[in-house]
Protein backbone atom coordinates (compact mmCIF):
# COMPACT_ATOMS: atom_id res chain seq x y z
CA MET A 1 17.40 6.78 -5.86
CA MET A 2 15.68 4.82 -8.11
CA SER A 3 12.43 4.18 -6.88
CA LEU A 4 10.38 5.02 -4.10
CA VAL A 5 7.74 2.68 -2.42
CA SER A 6 5.20 4.37 -0.40
CA ASP A 7 1.81 3.57 1.17
CA GLY A 8 -0.51 4.97 -1.26
CA ALA A 9 -1.44 8.63 0.06
CA LYS A 10 -1.86 11.55 -1.99
CA VAL A 11 0.71 13.47 -0.01
CA MET A 12 3.35 10.54 -1.41
CA THR A 13 1.56 9.86 -4.80
CA GLY A 14 0.36 13.06 -5.82
CA GLN A 15 0.74 14.33 -9.47
CA LYS A 16 1.59 18.06 -8.80
CA THR A 17 2.90 18.42 -5.37
CA GLY A 18 3.56 14.63 -4.02
CA VAL A 19 6.65 13.27 -2.73
CA ALA A 20 7.21 11.41 -5.59
CA ALA A 21 6.37 14.38 -8.18
CA ARG A 22 9.24 16.38 -6.41
CA LEU A 23 11.73 13.74 -6.52
CA LYS A 24 10.16 12.72 -10.33
CA GLN A 25 11.46 16.77 -10.86
CA LEU A 26 15.24 15.66 -9.99
CA ASN A 27 15.27 12.32 -11.75
CA SER A 28 12.69 11.53 -14.67
CA LYS A 29 13.45 7.64 -14.42
CA LEU A 30 12.21 7.17 -10.88
CA LEU A 31 9.69 4.30 -10.10
CA ASN A 32 7.02 5.37 -7.91
CA VAL A 33 5.33 2.21 -6.71
CA GLN A 34 2.52 1.47 -3.89
CA CYS A 35 3.27 -0.98 -1.27
CA ILE A 36 1.92 -4.50 -2.39
CA CYS A 37 0.97 -4.97 1.32
CA HIS A 38 -0.95 -1.41 1.56
CA ARG A 39 -2.98 -2.42 -1.49
CA LEU A 40 -3.60 -6.02 -0.01
CA SER A 41 -4.69 -4.22 3.11
CA LEU A 42 -7.26 -2.01 1.19
CA ALA A 43 -8.66 -5.10 -1.53
CA PHE A 44 -8.76 -7.25 2.05
CA ALA A 45 -10.99 -4.49 4.03
CA GLY A 46 -13.47 -3.58 1.09
CA ALA A 47 -13.77 -6.98 0.28
CA SER A 48 -14.28 -8.18 4.04
CA ASP A 49 -17.31 -6.00 4.29
CA GLU A 50 -19.16 -7.88 2.03
CA THR A 51 -17.84 -11.04 2.21
CA LYS A 52 -17.68 -12.95 5.77
CA TYR A 53 -15.04 -15.66 4.35
CA ILE A 54 -12.93 -13.13 3.67
CA ALA A 55 -12.81 -11.80 7.02
CA GLN A 56 -12.65 -15.29 8.69
CA VAL A 57 -9.46 -15.73 6.61
CA GLU A 58 -8.16 -11.88 7.58
CA GLY A 59 -8.60 -13.13 11.41
CA ILE A 60 -6.59 -16.22 10.78
CA LEU A 61 -3.95 -14.23 8.90
CA LEU A 62 -3.64 -11.58 11.88
CA ALA A 63 -3.53 -14.24 14.60
CA THR A 64 -0.73 -16.17 12.91
CA LEU A 65 0.97 -12.96 12.42
CA GLU A 66 0.86 -12.07 16.01
CA VAL A 67 2.23 -15.54 16.68
CA PHE A 68 5.35 -14.47 14.74
CA CYS A 69 6.06 -11.21 15.89
């Protein structure tokens, strides 16, 4: 295994007992990355609470995704 991409939860990324830490004990070169979609989701959720425009854009994006899914 070369890399691990996760949602960024502590159970996955914890420095002592997280999945990434345990895998890194087996492979010191393991690259642990948080999923960009989850990062963007967290950023938009925080920003949309304060900015009405962001909430509107998020609504348009979600509506567009529903059409394709």
